[in-house]
Structures are given as structure tokens and as C-alpha cells.
Amino acid sequence: MPLQAFLLVIVAGLIHAAWNIAAKKAGGDVRFATFTGLVMMVVWAPLGIWLGVDEVPRWGATEWSLVAASALLHTLYYIVLLRGYRKADLTVVYPL
């Protein structure tokens, strides 16, 4: 594996763990997840628009249903994760 790819994987893992630690310290607060979601949207939206401006108009019902299913699953994931952080220790919730 190239060193750059390895370092990207390590950095991504550290960012993921740091977000979960911050979410737990925030008490599993929905406002924290909303704020970080909005920040990520502002950061990544320009890239998404730039990459999708030609492709998205060609999407049909299948593609949009997959986007909707993904959004639903991610929303449920965040709800369960934050509820878990409100009720249990990080070392219990994070590995699950």
C-alpha cells in the first residue's frame, strides 16, 4: 500500500474517533450532530456540486431512491448513536 493511502486511512480513522469522542462529551446532544452535519455540508457541498453538475440531471428513480434510502439509514444511525451516548459509556457504544 502506498504511504499516502496508508496515511489517509490513519487520518480518517483519527477524525472518526475524534468526532465520536466529541459527540459523547457533548452528551449525545442532537444540536452537536446538527452543527457538525451543517459544517460538513458547507465544507463538501462545493465539491459535490462541482462533481455532480453534469451527472445528477441524468439520475432516474433508482438513483434518487438510493439517495433517499441512504439518508434514512444515516438519520437512524445518528439517532441510535446519540441515544446510546446519552445512556452508556463511550467504550460500550462506540464499538457497537
PDB file of N, CA and C in Angstrom:
ATOM      1  N   MET A   1       0.856  -1.176   0.000  1.00  0.00           N
ATOM      2  CA  MET A   1       0.000   0.000   0.000  1.00  0.00           C
ATOM      3  C   MET A   1       0.899   1.235   0.000  1.00  0.00           C
ATOM      4  N   PRO A   2       0.586   2.202  -0.862  1.00  0.00           N
ATOM      5  CA  PRO A   2       1.386   3.430  -0.868  1.00  0.00           C
ATOM      6  C   PRO A   2       1.279   4.172   0.472  1.00  0.00           C
ATOM      7  N   LEU A   3       2.335   4.840   0.854  1.00  0.00           N
ATOM      8  CA  LEU A   3       2.366   5.546   2.128  1.00  0.00           C
ATOM      9  C   LEU A   3       1.255   6.586   2.218  1.00  0.00           C
ATOM     10  N   GLN A   4       0.980   7.298   1.145  1.00  0.00           N
ATOM     11  CA  GLN A   4      -0.074   8.312   1.172  1.00  0.00           C
ATOM     12  C   GLN A   4      -1.438   7.694   1.456  1.00  0.00           C
ATOM     13  N   ALA A   5      -1.731   6.562   0.856  1.00  0.00           N
ATOM     14  CA  ALA A   5      -3.001   5.888   1.100  1.00  0.00           C
ATOM     15  C   ALA A   5      -3.090   5.435   2.556  1.00  0.00           C
ATOM     16  N   PHE A   6      -2.009   4.890   3.072  1.00  0.00           N
ATOM     17  CA  PHE A   6      -1.970   4.447   4.466  1.00  0.00           C
ATOM     18  C   PHE A   6      -2.214   5.626   5.401  1.00  0.00           C
ATOM     19  N   LEU A   7      -1.556   6.748   5.143  1.00  0.00           N
ATOM     20  CA  LEU A   7      -1.723   7.924   5.991  1.00  0.00           C
ATOM     21  C   LEU A   7      -3.143   8.476   5.914  1.00  0.00           C
ATOM     22  N   LEU A   8      -3.756   8.429   4.739  1.00  0.00           N
ATOM     23  CA  LEU A   8      -5.151   8.861   4.619  1.00  0.00           C
ATOM     24  C   LEU A   8      -6.083   7.986   5.454  1.00  0.00           C
ATOM     25  N   VAL A   9      -5.837   6.698   5.457  1.00  0.00           N
ATOM     26  CA  VAL A   9      -6.651   5.779   6.256  1.00  0.00           C
ATOM     27  C   VAL A   9      -6.480   6.084   7.749  1.00  0.00           C
ATOM     28  N   ILE A  10      -5.250   6.307   8.181  1.00  0.00           N
ATOM     29  CA  ILE A  10      -4.984   6.616   9.591  1.00  0.00           C
ATOM     30  C   ILE A  10      -5.644   7.937   9.986  1.00  0.00           C
ATOM     31  N   VAL A  11      -5.492   8.965   9.159  1.00  0.00           N
ATOM     32  CA  VAL A  11      -6.092  10.267   9.465  1.00  0.00           C
ATOM     33  C   VAL A  11      -7.613  10.159   9.498  1.00  0.00           C
ATOM     34  N   ALA A  12      -8.203   9.438   8.558  1.00  0.00           N
ATOM     35  CA  ALA A  12      -9.654   9.258   8.552  1.00  0.00           C
ATOM     36  C   ALA A  12     -10.125   8.555   9.823  1.00  0.00           C
ATOM     37  N   GLY A  13      -9.386   7.542  10.257  1.00  0.00           N
ATOM     38  CA  GLY A  13      -9.734   6.846  11.496  1.00  0.00           C
ATOM     39  C   GLY A  13      -9.643   7.750  12.709  1.00  0.00           C
ATOM     40  N   LEU A  14      -8.620   8.584  12.748  1.00  0.00           N
ATOM     41  CA  LEU A  14      -8.460   9.518  13.866  1.00  0.00           C
ATOM     42  C   LEU A  14      -9.575  10.558  13.886  1.00  0.00           C
ATOM     43  N   ILE A  15      -9.943  11.068  12.718  1.00  0.00           N
ATOM     44  CA  ILE A  15     -11.040  12.040  12.643  1.00  0.00           C
ATOM     45  C   ILE A  15     -12.350  11.382  13.084  1.00  0.00           C
ATOM     46  N   HIS A  16     -12.583  10.172  12.637  1.00  0.00           N
ATOM     47  CA  HIS A  16     -13.790   9.432  13.018  1.00  0.00           C
ATOM     48  C   HIS A  16     -13.852   9.238  14.537  1.00  0.00           C
ATOM     49  N   ALA A  17     -12.760   8.795  15.115  1.00  0.00           N
ATOM     50  CA  ALA A  17     -12.724   8.588  16.566  1.00  0.00           C
ATOM     51  C   ALA A  17     -12.889   9.905  17.309  1.00  0.00           C
ATOM     52  N   ALA A  18     -12.244  10.964  16.831  1.00  0.00           N
ATOM     53  CA  ALA A  18     -12.348  12.272  17.487  1.00  0.00           C
ATOM     54  C   ALA A  18     -13.786  12.783  17.458  1.00  0.00           C
ATOM     55  N   TRP A  19     -14.489  12.587  16.324  1.00  0.00           N
ATOM     56  CA  TRP A  19     -15.880  13.029  16.252  1.00  0.00           C
ATOM     57  C   TRP A  19     -16.724  12.278  17.280  1.00  0.00           C
ATOM     58  N   ASN A  20     -16.511  10.968  17.397  1.00  0.00           N
ATOM     59  CA  ASN A  20     -17.299  10.186  18.348  1.00  0.00           C
ATOM     60  C   ASN A  20     -16.996  10.576  19.790  1.00  0.00           C
ATOM     61  N   ILE A  21     -15.745  10.875  20.096  1.00  0.00           N
ATOM     62  CA  ILE A  21     -15.396  11.343  21.443  1.00  0.00           C
ATOM     63  C   ILE A  21     -16.068  12.681  21.708  1.00  0.00           C
ATOM     64  N   ALA A  22     -16.031  13.583  20.735  1.00  0.00           N
ATOM     65  CA  ALA A  22     -16.680  14.889  20.894  1.00  0.00           C
ATOM     66  C   ALA A  22     -18.189  14.733  21.044  1.00  0.00           C
ATOM     67  N   ALA A  23     -18.794  13.809  20.294  1.00  0.00           N
ATOM     68  CA  ALA A  23     -20.238  13.568  20.408  1.00  0.00           C
ATOM     69  C   ALA A  23     -20.590  13.059  21.800  1.00  0.00           C
ATOM     70  N   LYS A  24     -19.771  12.200  22.347  1.00  0.00           N
ATOM     71  CA  LYS A  24     -20.016  11.694  23.701  1.00  0.00           C
ATOM     72  C   LYS A  24     -19.849  12.808  24.722  1.00  0.00           C
ATOM     73  N   LYS A  25     -18.801  13.622  24.566  1.00  0.00           N
ATOM     74  CA  LYS A  25     -18.586  14.730  25.505  1.00  0.00           C
ATOM     75  C   LYS A  25     -19.718  15.751  25.427  1.00  0.00           C
ATOM     76  N   ALA A  26     -20.336  15.867  24.247  1.00  0.00           N
ATOM     77  CA  ALA A  26     -21.479  16.770  24.093  1.00  0.00           C
ATOM     78  C   ALA A  26     -22.741  16.159  24.692  1.00  0.00           C
ATOM     79  N   GLY A  27     -22.629  14.976  25.226  1.00  0.00           N
ATOM     80  CA  GLY A  27     -23.760  14.329  25.878  1.00  0.00           C
ATOM     81  C   GLY A  27     -24.750  13.711  24.913  1.00  0.00           C
ATOM     82  N   GLY A  28     -24.301  13.407  23.703  1.00  0.00           N
ATOM     83  CA  GLY A  28     -25.210  12.825  22.725  1.00  0.00           C
ATOM     84  C   GLY A  28     -26.269  13.811  22.284  1.00  0.00           C
ATOM     85  N   ASP A  29     -25.916  15.093  22.327  1.00  0.00           N
ATOM     86  CA  ASP A  29     -26.861  16.160  22.018  1.00  0.00           C
ATOM     87  C   ASP A  29     -27.123  16.246  20.511  1.00  0.00           C
ATOM     88  N   VAL A  30     -28.375  16.339  20.146  1.00  0.00           N
ATOM     89  CA  VAL A  30     -28.758  16.436  18.740  1.00  0.00           C
ATOM     90  C   VAL A  30     -28.204  17.718  18.122  1.00  0.00           C
ATOM     91  N   ARG A  31     -28.084  18.776  18.916  1.00  0.00           N
ATOM     92  CA  ARG A  31     -27.543  20.030  18.390  1.00  0.00           C
ATOM     93  C   ARG A  31     -26.113  19.854  17.910  1.00  0.00           C
ATOM     94  N   PHE A  32     -25.324  19.024  18.600  1.00  0.00           N
ATOM     95  CA  PHE A  32     -23.949  18.758  18.183  1.00  0.00           C
ATOM     96  C   PHE A  32     -23.936  18.070  16.818  1.00  0.00           C
ATOM     97  N   ALA A  33     -24.758  17.045  16.650  1.00  0.00           N
ATOM     98  CA  ALA A  33     -24.808  16.324  15.376  1.00  0.00           C
ATOM     99  C   ALA A  33     -25.311  17.232  14.261  1.00  0.00           C
ATOM    100  N   THR A  34     -26.287  18.077  14.557  1.00  0.00           N
ATOM    101  CA  THR A  34     -26.797  19.009  13.559  1.00  0.00           C
ATOM    102  C   THR A  34     -25.714  20.005  13.148  1.00  0.00           C
ATOM    103  N   PHE A  35     -25.018  20.560  14.134  1.00  0.00           N
ATOM    104  CA  PHE A  35     -23.965  21.529  13.845  1.00  0.00           C
ATOM    105  C   PHE A  35     -22.852  20.903  13.008  1.00  0.00           C
ATOM    106  N   THR A  36     -22.380  19.725  13.400  1.00  0.00           N
ATOM    107  CA  THR A  36     -21.299  19.106  12.638  1.00  0.00           C
ATOM    108  C   THR A  36     -21.774  18.695  11.243  1.00  0.00           C
ATOM    109  N   GLY A  37     -23.026  18.285  11.124  1.00  0.00           N
ATOM    110  CA  GLY A  37     -23.573  17.962   9.812  1.00  0.00           C
ATOM    111  C   GLY A  37     -23.631  19.181   8.903  1.00  0.00           C
ATOM    112  N   LEU A  38     -24.026  20.313   9.458  1.00  0.00           N
ATOM    113  CA  LEU A  38     -24.066  21.545   8.671  1.00  0.00           C
ATOM    114  C   LEU A  38     -22.668  21.996   8.269  1.00  0.00           C
ATOM    115  N   VAL A  39     -21.710  21.874   9.187  1.00  0.00           N
ATOM    116  CA  VAL A  39     -20.326  22.236   8.859  1.00  0.00           C
ATOM    117  C   VAL A  39     -19.807  21.348   7.728  1.00  0.00           C
ATOM    118  N   MET A  40     -20.049  20.055   7.812  1.00  0.00           N
ATOM    119  CA  MET A  40     -19.590  19.150   6.758  1.00  0.00           C
ATOM    120  C   MET A  40     -20.281  19.453   5.431  1.00  0.00           C
ATOM    121  N   MET A  41     -21.548  19.846   5.490  1.00  0.00           N
ATOM    122  CA  MET A  41     -22.252  20.197   4.261  1.00  0.00           C
ATOM    123  C   MET A  41     -21.607  21.418   3.611  1.00  0.00           C
ATOM    124  N   VAL A  42     -21.283  22.423   4.413  1.00  0.00           N
ATOM    125  CA  VAL A  42     -20.642  23.627   3.871  1.00  0.00           C
ATOM    126  C   VAL A  42     -19.271  23.289   3.296  1.00  0.00           C
ATOM    127  N   VAL A  43     -18.538  22.399   3.967  1.00  0.00           N
ATOM    128  CA  VAL A  43     -17.199  22.035   3.505  1.00  0.00           C
ATOM    129  C   VAL A  43     -17.266  21.231   2.204  1.00  0.00           C
ATOM    130  N   TRP A  44     -18.173  20.251   2.123  1.00  0.00           N
ATOM    131  CA  TRP A  44     -18.191  19.317   0.995  1.00  0.00           C
ATOM    132  C   TRP A  44     -19.151  19.689  -0.122  1.00  0.00           C
ATOM    133  N   ALA A  45     -20.099  20.586   0.110  1.00  0.00           N
ATOM    134  CA  ALA A  45     -21.074  20.940  -0.927  1.00  0.00           C
ATOM    135  C   ALA A  45     -20.428  21.474  -2.205  1.00  0.00           C
ATOM    136  N   PRO A  46     -19.435  22.347  -2.105  1.00  0.00           N
ATOM    137  CA  PRO A  46     -18.832  22.820  -3.365  1.00  0.00           C
ATOM    138  C   PRO A  46     -18.257  21.686  -4.215  1.00  0.00           C
ATOM    139  N   LEU A  47     -17.607  20.723  -3.581  1.00  0.00           N
ATOM    140  CA  LEU A  47     -17.066  19.585  -4.328  1.00  0.00           C
ATOM    141  C   LEU A  47     -18.194  18.749  -4.915  1.00  0.00           C
ATOM    142  N   GLY A  48     -19.242  18.530  -4.146  1.00  0.00           N
ATOM    143  CA  GLY A  48     -20.379  17.761  -4.638  1.00  0.00           C
ATOM    144  C   GLY A  48     -21.054  18.428  -5.821  1.00  0.00           C
ATOM    145  N   ILE A  49     -21.198  19.744  -5.748  1.00  0.00           N
ATOM    146  CA  ILE A  49     -21.805  20.472  -6.864  1.00  0.00           C
ATOM    147  C   ILE A  49     -20.897  20.390  -8.088  1.00  0.00           C
ATOM    148  N   TRP A  50     -19.612  20.601  -7.882  1.00  0.00           N
ATOM    149  CA  TRP A  50     -18.666  20.581  -8.994  1.00  0.00           C
ATOM    150  C   TRP A  50     -18.641  19.216  -9.687  1.00  0.00           C
ATOM    151  N   LEU A  51     -18.635  18.140  -8.890  1.00  0.00           N
ATOM    152  CA  LEU A  51     -18.585  16.801  -9.467  1.00  0.00           C
ATOM    153  C   LEU A  51     -19.936  16.340 -10.012  1.00  0.00           C
ATOM    154  N   GLY A  52     -21.040  16.852  -9.447  1.00  0.00           N
ATOM    155  CA  GLY A  52     -22.346  16.341  -9.815  1.00  0.00           C
ATOM    156  C   GLY A  52     -23.118  17.157 -10.810  1.00  0.00           C
ATOM    157  N   VAL A  53     -22.599  18.327 -11.185  1.00  0.00           N
ATOM    158  CA  VAL A  53     -23.371  19.218 -12.046  1.00  0.00           C
ATOM    159  C   VAL A  53     -23.735  18.572 -13.382  1.00  0.00           C
ATOM    160  N   ASP A  54     -22.897  17.717 -13.914  1.00  0.00           N
ATOM    161  CA  ASP A  54     -23.203  17.048 -15.182  1.00  0.00           C
ATOM    162  C   ASP A  54     -23.931  15.717 -14.997  1.00  0.00           C
ATOM    163  N   GLU A  55     -23.697  15.054 -13.867  1.00  0.00           N
ATOM    164  CA  GLU A  55     -24.214  13.696 -13.677  1.00  0.00           C
ATOM    165  C   GLU A  55     -25.616  13.663 -13.068  1.00  0.00           C
ATOM    166  N   VAL A  56     -25.873  14.494 -12.070  1.00  0.00           N
ATOM    167  CA  VAL A  56     -27.137  14.425 -11.333  1.00  0.00           C
ATOM    168  C   VAL A  56     -28.365  14.622 -12.228  1.00  0.00           C
ATOM    169  N   PRO A  57     -28.342  15.513 -13.215  1.00  0.00           N
ATOM    170  CA  PRO A  57     -29.536  15.634 -14.075  1.00  0.00           C
ATOM    171  C   PRO A  57     -29.905  14.348 -14.813  1.00  0.00           C
ATOM    172  N   ARG A  58     -28.977  13.424 -14.958  1.00  0.00           N
ATOM    173  CA  ARG A  58     -29.269  12.157 -15.644  1.00  0.00           C
ATOM    174  C   ARG A  58     -29.827  11.091 -14.708  1.00  0.00           C
ATOM    175  N   TRP A  59     -29.892  11.378 -13.422  1.00  0.00           N
ATOM    176  CA  TRP A  59     -30.372  10.387 -12.464  1.00  0.00           C
ATOM    177  C   TRP A  59     -31.851  10.117 -12.672  1.00  0.00           C
ATOM    178  N   GLY A  60     -32.204   8.847 -12.420  1.00  0.00           N
ATOM    179  CA  GLY A  60     -33.596   8.433 -12.501  1.00  0.00           C
ATOM    180  C   GLY A  60     -34.112   8.061 -11.120  1.00  0.00           C
ATOM    181  N   ALA A  61     -35.222   7.358 -11.127  1.00  0.00           N
ATOM    182  CA  ALA A  61     -35.867   6.961  -9.881  1.00  0.00           C
ATOM    183  C   ALA A  61     -34.979   6.050  -9.034  1.00  0.00           C
ATOM    184  N   THR A  62     -34.224   5.178  -9.667  1.00  0.00           N
ATOM    185  CA  THR A  62     -33.361   4.254  -8.918  1.00  0.00           C
ATOM    186  C   THR A  62     -32.310   5.017  -8.126  1.00  0.00           C
ATOM    187  N   GLU A  63     -31.642   5.956  -8.772  1.00  0.00           N
ATOM    188  CA  GLU A  63     -30.588   6.711  -8.091  1.00  0.00           C
ATOM    189  C   GLU A  63     -31.152   7.547  -6.944  1.00  0.00           C
ATOM    190  N   TRP A  64     -32.280   8.216  -7.203  1.00  0.00           N
ATOM    191  CA  TRP A  64     -32.869   9.043  -6.150  1.00  0.00           C
ATOM    192  C   TRP A  64     -33.411   8.198  -4.997  1.00  0.00           C
ATOM    193  N   SER A  65     -33.919   7.004  -5.294  1.00  0.00           N
ATOM    194  CA  SER A  65     -34.386   6.136  -4.204  1.00  0.00           C
ATOM    195  C   SER A  65     -33.206   5.648  -3.363  1.00  0.00           C
ATOM    196  N   LEU A  66     -32.058   5.413  -3.996  1.00  0.00           N
ATOM    197  CA  LEU A  66     -30.869   5.034  -3.229  1.00  0.00           C
ATOM    198  C   LEU A  66     -30.381   6.193  -2.358  1.00  0.00           C
ATOM    199  N   VAL A  67     -30.444   7.415  -2.864  1.00  0.00           N
ATOM    200  CA  VAL A  67     -30.078   8.586  -2.070  1.00  0.00           C
ATOM    201  C   VAL A  67     -31.021   8.716  -0.873  1.00  0.00           C
ATOM    202  N   ALA A  68     -32.326   8.545  -1.106  1.00  0.00           N
ATOM    203  CA  ALA A  68     -33.303   8.635  -0.021  1.00  0.00           C
ATOM    204  C   ALA A  68     -33.089   7.543   1.014  1.00  0.00           C
ATOM    205  N   ALA A  69     -32.819   6.317   0.559  1.00  0.00           N
ATOM    206  CA  ALA A  69     -32.564   5.210   1.492  1.00  0.00           C
ATOM    207  C   ALA A  69     -31.308   5.472   2.311  1.00  0.00           C
ATOM    208  N   SER A  70     -30.271   5.982   1.675  1.00  0.00           N
ATOM    209  CA  SER A  70     -29.035   6.307   2.382  1.00  0.00           C
ATOM    210  C   SER A  70     -29.285   7.383   3.432  1.00  0.00           C
ATOM    211  N   ALA A  71     -30.041   8.421   3.072  1.00  0.00           N
ATOM    212  CA  ALA A  71     -30.352   9.494   4.026  1.00  0.00           C
ATOM    213  C   ALA A  71     -31.136   8.951   5.219  1.00  0.00           C
ATOM    214  N   LEU A  72     -32.097   8.082   4.955  1.00  0.00           N
ATOM    215  CA  LEU A  72     -32.889   7.492   6.036  1.00  0.00           C
ATOM    216  C   LEU A  72     -32.014   6.649   6.959  1.00  0.00           C
ATOM    217  N   LEU A  73     -31.166   5.809   6.378  1.00  0.00           N
ATOM    218  CA  LEU A  73     -30.295   4.965   7.193  1.00  0.00           C
ATOM    219  C   LEU A  73     -29.307   5.795   8.015  1.00  0.00           C
ATOM    220  N   HIS A  74     -28.754   6.835   7.439  1.00  0.00           N
ATOM    221  CA  HIS A  74     -27.821   7.686   8.182  1.00  0.00           C
ATOM    222  C   HIS A  74     -28.531   8.426   9.317  1.00  0.00           C
ATOM    223  N   THR A  75     -29.747   8.876   9.069  1.00  0.00           N
ATOM    224  CA  THR A  75     -30.509   9.555  10.117  1.00  0.00           C
ATOM    225  C   THR A  75     -30.795   8.608  11.271  1.00  0.00           C
ATOM    226  N   LEU A  76     -31.240   7.397  10.954  1.00  0.00           N
ATOM    227  CA  LEU A  76     -31.486   6.404  12.006  1.00  0.00           C
ATOM    228  C   LEU A  76     -30.210   6.069  12.760  1.00  0.00           C
ATOM    229  N   TYR A  77     -29.101   5.951  12.043  1.00  0.00           N
ATOM    230  CA  TYR A  77     -27.810   5.672  12.673  1.00  0.00           C
ATOM    231  C   TYR A  77     -27.450   6.764  13.677  1.00  0.00           C
ATOM    232  N   TYR A  78     -27.581   8.022  13.287  1.00  0.00           N
ATOM    233  CA  TYR A  78     -27.238   9.117  14.197  1.00  0.00           C
ATOM    234  C   TYR A  78     -28.162   9.146  15.410  1.00  0.00           C
ATOM    235  N   ILE A  79     -29.445   8.898  15.191  1.00  0.00           N
ATOM    236  CA  ILE A  79     -30.391   8.881  16.316  1.00  0.00           C
ATOM    237  C   ILE A  79     -30.004   7.803  17.318  1.00  0.00           C
ATOM    238  N   VAL A  80     -29.736   6.607  16.823  1.00  0.00           N
ATOM    239  CA  VAL A  80     -29.372   5.491  17.714  1.00  0.00           C
ATOM    240  C   VAL A  80     -28.028   5.761  18.380  1.00  0.00           C
ATOM    241  N   LEU A  81     -27.056   6.255  17.627  1.00  0.00           N
ATOM    242  CA  LEU A  81     -25.730   6.537  18.180  1.00  0.00           C
ATOM    243  C   LEU A  81     -25.809   7.578  19.289  1.00  0.00           C
ATOM    244  N   LEU A  82     -26.495   8.687  19.034  1.00  0.00           N
ATOM    245  CA  LEU A  82     -26.574   9.749  20.038  1.00  0.00           C
ATOM    246  C   LEU A  82     -27.387   9.308  21.253  1.00  0.00           C
ATOM    247  N   ARG A  83     -28.420   8.527  21.036  1.00  0.00           N
ATOM    248  CA  ARG A  83     -29.177   7.991  22.173  1.00  0.00           C
ATOM    249  C   ARG A  83     -28.294   7.063  23.007  1.00  0.00           C
ATOM    250  N   GLY A  84     -27.478   6.269  22.314  1.00  0.00           N
ATOM    251  CA  GLY A  84     -26.545   5.402  23.028  1.00  0.00           C
ATOM    252  C   GLY A  84     -25.547   6.195  23.840  1.00  0.00           C
ATOM    253  N   TYR A  85     -25.025   7.289  23.287  1.00  0.00           N
ATOM    254  CA  TYR A  85     -24.072   8.122  24.019  1.00  0.00           C
ATOM    255  C   TYR A  85     -24.712   8.798  25.228  1.00  0.00           C
ATOM    256  N   ARG A  86     -26.019   9.051  25.179  1.00  0.00           N
ATOM    257  CA  ARG A  86     -26.703   9.626  26.343  1.00  0.00           C
ATOM    258  C   ARG A  86     -26.883   8.598  27.445  1.00  0.00           C
ATOM    259  N   LYS A  87     -26.959   7.321  27.084  1.00  0.00           N
ATOM    260  CA  LYS A  87     -27.302   6.291  28.071  1.00  0.00           C
ATOM    261  C   LYS A  87     -26.141   5.418  28.534  1.00  0.00           C
ATOM    262  N   ALA A  88     -25.070   5.342  27.740  1.00  0.00           N
ATOM    263  CA  ALA A  88     -23.993   4.400  28.088  1.00  0.00           C
ATOM    264  C   ALA A  88     -22.627   5.040  27.858  1.00  0.00           C
ATOM    265  N   ASP A  89     -21.627   4.328  28.298  1.00  0.00           N
ATOM    266  CA  ASP A  89     -20.249   4.780  28.178  1.00  0.00           C
ATOM    267  C   ASP A  89     -19.767   4.671  26.723  1.00  0.00           C
ATOM    268  N   LEU A  90     -18.823   5.530  26.368  1.00  0.00           N
ATOM    269  CA  LEU A  90     -18.250   5.535  25.025  1.00  0.00           C
ATOM    270  C   LEU A  90     -17.671   4.174  24.659  1.00  0.00           C
ATOM    271  N   THR A  91     -17.024   3.517  25.617  1.00  0.00           N
ATOM    272  CA  THR A  91     -16.389   2.237  25.341  1.00  0.00           C
ATOM    273  C   THR A  91     -17.405   1.118  25.061  1.00  0.00           C
ATOM    274  N   VAL A  92     -18.653   1.357  25.397  1.00  0.00           N
ATOM    275  CA  VAL A  92     -19.718   0.398  25.099  1.00  0.00           C
ATOM    276  C   VAL A  92     -20.355   0.725  23.745  1.00  0.00           C
ATOM    277  N   VAL A  93     -20.683   1.991  23.534  1.00  0.00           N
ATOM    278  CA  VAL A  93     -21.437   2.414  22.357  1.00  0.00           C
ATOM    279  C   VAL A  93     -20.562   2.444  21.108  1.00  0.00           C
ATOM    280  N   TYR A  94     -19.368   3.008  21.200  1.00  0.00           N
ATOM    281  CA  TYR A  94     -18.517   3.205  20.021  1.00  0.00           C
ATOM    282  C   TYR A  94     -18.211   1.899  19.285  1.00  0.00           C
ATOM    283  N   PRO A  95     -17.818   0.827  19.984  1.00  0.00           N
ATOM    284  CA  PRO A  95     -17.535  -0.414  19.240  1.00  0.00           C
ATOM    285  C   PRO A  95     -18.774  -1.039  18.578  1.00  0.00           C
ATOM    286  N   LEU A  96     -19.943  -0.782  19.179  1.00  0.00           N
ATOM    287  CA  LEU A  96     -21.169  -1.350  18.598  1.00  0.00           C
ATOM    288  C   LEU A  96     -21.543  -0.642  17.337  1.00  0.00           C
TER     289      LEU A  96
END
